[in-house]
Amino acid sequence: MPNYLIPNWPAPKNIHAYTTTRGGGVSQPPYNSFNLSTNVGDEISAVTANRTRLRQDLKLPNEPFWLNQAHTNNVITAKSQSDFPSADAAYTTQSNIVCVTLTADCLPILLCSKQGNLVAAIHAGWRGIVNGVIEATIKALPVAPQELIAWFGPAIGPTVFEVEEEVKEKFVATDPKAQQAFTSIVPNKYLLNLYLIGRQRLNNCEVSAIYGGEFCTYSAPEKFFSFRRHATTGRLASLIWRE
C-alpha cells in the first residue's frame, strides 16, 4: 500500500487532506510506481489502476476533480465530475468534492477555511506564482483571507532549486520582498526558496496561518517524483475535501 503524507495543521475535523508518495503503485520505470498523471507518457491502464487504488485507500467520496495544469492563474470551482478543465487551482464549498493538484517539484498548496466550509488546491510552480495563481485563488474564494489555513506539500527544496537571473527578475518585479528568497551561487545563478516565495505571496494576501514546507522532492528520490531530477517521471497528488 502506498504511504500517504497527512498535513500537520489545525484544520477542522471535517477536513480531509493527503499527499501521495511515489511507492506502492503499478507504473513501470521511469514512472515507478504510484504515478497519478495521465499527461506524462505513462501507460493509461497503469494510471487508471493507481487512481483506483487512491480512491480505495483514502475512501474518497468522489473521483478527484483532476485539472489540465499549465502554470496559469486560472481558478475554477470544482464539481463532482471532471472534464479536465484547464486551470491550476480549484475550490469548492460543497461537501464530498475532492480538489486535487499534481506536482513533481512545483509547490502544492492546500487551503481550508477555519469553519471547515471551504477547501482549495493550488498548483504553484514558479511560473504559476509569477503569473499570480496564489493571488487569483485567494481573491476567488468566498471567505476572508484571515479565515484561511494553508499547508505546503512536498516541493523542490531551497538548497537545490537552481534558477537564472531572469527568474529572479520576474519575481522581484512583482514583489521586491522576493529578493529574500534568492541566494546567489555563481554569476547569473541562484538558489530559489519556493516555500518562502509561497509564504510571502500568501502573507501579501493576508493569509498568515501557513503550515508544512519541510520536504524536498529532489533530495528524496525513494519517496517523491522530481522533474528536475528526472525529466520523465510521475506526479504526486495532493488532495483535500470536506465532509
Protein backbone atom coordinates (compact mmCIF):
# COMPACT_ATOMS: atom_id res chain seq x y z
CA MET A 1 0.00 0.00 0.00
CA PRO A 2 1.31 3.48 -0.81
CA ASN A 3 2.38 5.73 2.01
CA TYR A 4 0.48 8.99 2.30
CA LEU A 5 1.52 12.27 3.89
CA ILE A 6 -1.07 13.76 6.22
CA PRO A 7 -0.80 17.52 6.79
CA ASN A 8 0.14 18.55 10.31
CA TRP A 9 -2.13 21.58 10.58
CA PRO A 10 -5.07 22.72 12.74
CA ALA A 11 -7.77 22.02 10.15
CA PRO A 12 -11.35 21.37 11.32
CA LYS A 13 -12.23 17.71 11.90
CA ASN A 14 -14.43 17.54 8.80
CA ILE A 15 -11.46 18.37 6.53
CA HIS A 16 -9.51 15.51 4.95
CA ALA A 17 -6.18 16.11 3.21
CA TYR A 18 -3.37 13.92 1.91
CA THR A 19 -0.36 13.94 -0.39
CA THR A 20 0.75 10.77 -2.14
CA THR A 21 4.28 9.43 -2.36
CA ARG A 22 5.78 7.55 -5.28
CA GLY A 23 5.72 3.99 -3.92
CA GLY A 24 3.06 1.31 -3.88
CA GLY A 25 1.60 1.62 -7.37
CA VAL A 26 1.80 -0.34 -10.60
CA SER A 27 3.50 2.06 -13.03
CA GLN A 28 6.74 0.84 -14.58
CA PRO A 29 10.02 2.81 -14.70
CA PRO A 30 10.59 5.68 -15.10
CA TYR A 31 7.13 6.33 -13.64
CA ASN A 32 7.58 3.86 -10.81
CA SER A 33 5.34 3.36 -9.26
CA PHE A 34 2.38 5.38 -7.93
CA ASN A 35 2.14 7.88 -10.78
CA LEU A 36 -1.24 9.64 -10.89
CA SER A 37 -0.87 11.75 -14.03
CA THR A 38 -2.22 10.82 -17.45
CA ASN A 39 -0.15 13.53 -19.17
CA VAL A 40 3.44 12.35 -18.66
CA GLY A 41 3.66 9.41 -21.06
CA ASP A 42 2.80 6.60 -18.64
CA GLU A 43 0.51 3.75 -19.67
CA ILE A 44 -3.08 4.89 -19.16
CA SER A 45 -4.01 1.49 -17.76
CA ALA A 46 -1.38 1.87 -15.05
CA VAL A 47 -2.53 5.37 -14.14
CA THR A 48 -6.13 4.17 -14.03
CA ALA A 49 -5.15 1.36 -11.67
CA ASN A 50 -3.23 3.78 -9.48
CA ARG A 51 -6.19 6.17 -9.34
CA THR A 52 -8.47 3.31 -8.40
CA ARG A 53 -6.10 2.40 -5.57
CA LEU A 54 -6.04 6.05 -4.47
CA ARG A 55 -9.84 6.15 -4.24
CA GLN A 56 -9.93 2.87 -2.34
CA ASP A 57 -7.08 3.65 0.06
CA LEU A 58 -8.43 7.05 1.05
CA LYS A 59 -12.09 6.08 0.77
CA LEU A 60 -12.65 9.11 -1.44
CA PRO A 61 -16.28 10.26 -1.69
CA ASN A 62 -15.90 11.03 -5.41
CA GLU A 63 -13.39 10.87 -8.24
CA PRO A 64 -10.95 13.77 -7.64
CA PHE A 65 -11.50 16.89 -9.74
CA TRP A 66 -8.46 16.45 -11.98
CA LEU A 67 -7.19 19.53 -13.80
CA ASN A 68 -5.26 20.15 -17.00
CA GLN A 69 -2.47 22.18 -15.40
CA ALA A 70 -0.48 24.68 -17.43
CA HIS A 71 1.17 27.15 -14.98
CA THR A 72 -1.67 29.63 -15.42
CA ASN A 73 -3.55 31.76 -12.88
CA ASN A 74 -6.87 30.15 -13.81
CA VAL A 75 -9.04 29.28 -10.81
CA ILE A 76 -12.27 27.32 -11.11
CA THR A 77 -14.97 25.87 -8.91
CA ALA A 78 -14.59 22.11 -8.52
CA LYS A 79 -17.54 19.90 -9.44
CA SER A 80 -18.40 16.25 -8.91
CA GLN A 81 -17.47 15.26 -12.46
CA SER A 82 -14.21 16.40 -14.02
CA ASP A 83 -13.80 17.14 -17.72
CA PHE A 84 -10.15 18.02 -17.19
CA PRO A 85 -10.59 21.81 -17.38
CA SER A 86 -7.51 23.96 -17.96
CA ALA A 87 -6.77 25.54 -14.60
CA ASP A 88 -4.14 25.49 -11.89
CA ALA A 89 -6.36 25.93 -8.86
CA ALA A 90 -9.78 24.71 -7.82
CA TYR A 91 -12.02 25.27 -4.82
CA THR A 92 -15.41 24.23 -3.52
CA THR A 93 -17.81 24.96 -0.69
CA GLN A 94 -19.65 21.69 -1.31
CA SER A 95 -19.08 18.57 0.74
CA ASN A 96 -17.50 15.42 -0.74
CA ILE A 97 -15.91 17.20 -3.72
CA VAL A 98 -12.22 16.35 -3.89
CA CYS A 99 -9.88 19.14 -5.03
CA VAL A 100 -6.50 17.91 -6.26
CA THR A 101 -3.24 19.16 -7.71
CA LEU A 102 -0.47 17.14 -9.37
CA THR A 103 3.19 18.03 -8.82
CA ALA A 104 6.78 16.80 -9.18
CA ASP A 105 8.78 19.78 -7.77
CA CYS A 106 6.15 22.52 -8.02
CA LEU A 107 4.57 23.65 -4.76
CA PRO A 108 1.19 22.09 -3.92
CA ILE A 109 -0.84 24.36 -1.65
CA LEU A 110 -3.91 23.04 0.15
CA LEU A 111 -6.33 25.50 1.73
CA CYS A 112 -9.33 25.25 4.00
CA SER A 113 -11.41 27.70 5.99
CA LYS A 114 -11.25 27.69 9.77
CA GLN A 115 -15.00 26.97 9.76
CA GLY A 116 -14.47 23.89 7.58
CA ASN A 117 -16.90 25.04 4.88
CA LEU A 118 -14.39 25.53 2.03
CA VAL A 119 -11.40 23.72 0.55
CA ALA A 120 -8.99 24.52 -2.30
CA ALA A 121 -5.91 23.13 -4.02
CA ILE A 122 -3.31 25.19 -5.89
CA HIS A 123 -0.61 24.08 -8.36
CA ALA A 124 2.08 26.67 -7.62
CA GLY A 125 5.20 26.23 -9.72
CA TRP A 126 7.46 29.23 -10.12
CA ARG A 127 5.78 30.20 -13.40
CA GLY A 128 2.32 29.94 -11.89
CA ILE A 129 3.38 32.01 -8.90
CA VAL A 130 4.81 34.71 -11.20
CA ASN A 131 1.52 34.62 -13.11
CA GLY A 132 -0.38 35.26 -9.89
CA VAL A 133 -2.09 31.92 -9.26
CA ILE A 134 -1.91 32.33 -5.48
CA GLU A 135 -3.41 35.82 -5.50
CA ALA A 136 -6.07 34.81 -8.02
CA THR A 137 -7.12 31.88 -5.85
CA ILE A 138 -7.37 33.87 -2.63
CA LYS A 139 -9.38 36.54 -4.46
CA ALA A 140 -11.77 33.94 -5.87
CA LEU A 141 -12.55 32.31 -2.54
CA PRO A 142 -15.82 33.39 -0.90
CA VAL A 143 -14.24 33.79 2.54
CA ALA A 144 -11.98 36.39 4.11
CA PRO A 145 -8.25 35.60 3.74
CA GLN A 146 -7.85 35.78 7.51
CA GLU A 147 -10.20 32.79 7.79
CA LEU A 148 -7.95 30.52 5.70
CA ILE A 149 -5.44 27.88 6.74
CA ALA A 150 -2.75 26.80 4.25
CA TRP A 151 -0.50 23.76 4.03
CA PHE A 152 2.54 23.41 1.77
CA GLY A 153 3.03 19.91 0.41
CA PRO A 154 6.32 18.50 -0.92
CA ALA A 155 8.18 20.70 -3.40
CA ILE A 156 11.76 21.14 -4.54
CA GLY A 157 13.79 22.45 -1.62
CA PRO A 158 15.72 25.72 -1.22
CA THR A 159 19.19 24.11 -1.27
CA VAL A 160 18.84 22.55 -4.75
CA PHE A 161 16.43 24.64 -6.83
CA GLU A 162 18.77 26.47 -9.22
CA VAL A 163 17.38 29.26 -11.41
CA GLU A 164 18.82 32.02 -13.56
CA GLU A 165 18.79 35.79 -13.20
CA GLU A 166 15.77 36.02 -15.48
CA VAL A 167 13.62 34.12 -13.00
CA LYS A 168 14.74 36.33 -10.13
CA GLU A 169 13.94 39.46 -12.12
CA LYS A 170 10.40 38.24 -12.83
CA PHE A 171 9.70 37.70 -9.14
CA VAL A 172 11.30 40.89 -7.86
CA ALA A 173 9.47 42.94 -10.50
CA THR A 174 6.13 41.93 -8.95
CA ASP A 175 7.24 41.87 -5.31
CA PRO A 176 10.56 43.38 -4.11
CA LYS A 177 10.47 41.16 -1.00
CA ALA A 178 11.05 38.17 -3.27
CA GLN A 179 14.74 39.15 -3.22
CA GLN A 180 14.92 37.40 0.16
CA ALA A 181 14.10 34.05 -1.45
CA PHE A 182 17.13 34.03 -3.77
CA THR A 183 20.68 33.05 -2.80
CA SER A 184 23.45 33.75 -5.30
CA ILE A 185 25.73 30.77 -6.00
CA VAL A 186 27.62 31.81 -9.16
CA PRO A 187 27.15 34.70 -11.59
CA ASN A 188 23.64 34.55 -13.08
CA LYS A 189 22.72 31.52 -10.93
CA TYR A 190 20.62 31.47 -7.78
CA LEU A 191 19.01 29.05 -5.39
CA LEU A 192 15.28 29.77 -5.10
CA ASN A 193 13.33 29.09 -1.91
CA LEU A 194 9.93 28.23 -3.38
CA TYR A 195 8.44 27.73 0.08
CA LEU A 196 9.44 31.24 1.14
CA ILE A 197 8.03 32.71 -2.07
CA GLY A 198 4.73 30.91 -1.46
CA ARG A 199 4.63 32.18 2.12
CA GLN A 200 5.35 35.74 1.01
CA ARG A 201 2.58 35.68 -1.58
CA LEU A 202 0.06 34.31 0.91
CA ASN A 203 1.13 36.86 3.51
CA ASN A 204 0.62 39.61 0.92
CA CYS A 205 -2.96 38.32 0.59
CA GLU A 206 -3.39 38.46 4.40
CA VAL A 207 -3.19 34.70 4.84
CA SER A 208 -0.96 34.09 7.86
CA ALA A 209 -1.86 30.57 9.08
CA ILE A 210 0.63 28.58 6.97
CA TYR A 211 1.98 25.12 7.73
CA GLY A 212 4.18 22.48 6.07
CA GLY A 213 7.07 23.22 3.75
CA GLU A 214 9.61 20.82 5.25
CA PHE A 215 10.08 18.47 2.29
CA CYS A 216 12.37 18.37 -0.76
CA THR A 217 11.18 16.35 -3.73
CA TYR A 218 14.58 16.49 -5.46
CA SER A 219 16.52 15.17 -2.47
CA ALA A 220 14.28 12.20 -1.66
CA PRO A 221 14.20 10.00 -4.80
CA GLU A 222 12.76 6.99 -2.97
CA LYS A 223 9.79 8.99 -1.72
CA PHE A 224 8.98 11.68 -4.30
CA PHE A 225 8.90 12.28 -8.03
CA SER A 226 11.11 15.16 -9.18
CA PHE A 227 11.06 16.70 -12.65
CA ARG A 228 14.40 18.42 -12.02
CA ARG A 229 15.98 15.10 -11.10
CA HIS A 230 14.43 13.10 -13.98
CA ALA A 231 12.53 14.96 -16.69
CA THR A 232 10.49 11.85 -17.49
CA THR A 233 8.79 10.91 -14.26
CA GLY A 234 5.45 10.58 -12.48
CA ARG A 235 3.39 13.04 -10.47
CA LEU A 236 2.32 13.21 -6.85
CA ALA A 237 -1.25 14.13 -5.93
CA SER A 238 -2.26 16.50 -3.11
CA LEU A 239 -5.94 16.17 -2.28
CA ILE A 240 -8.41 17.88 0.01
CA TRP A 241 -12.16 17.60 0.66
CA ARG A 242 -14.70 18.33 3.35
CA GLU A 243 -17.46 16.18 4.77
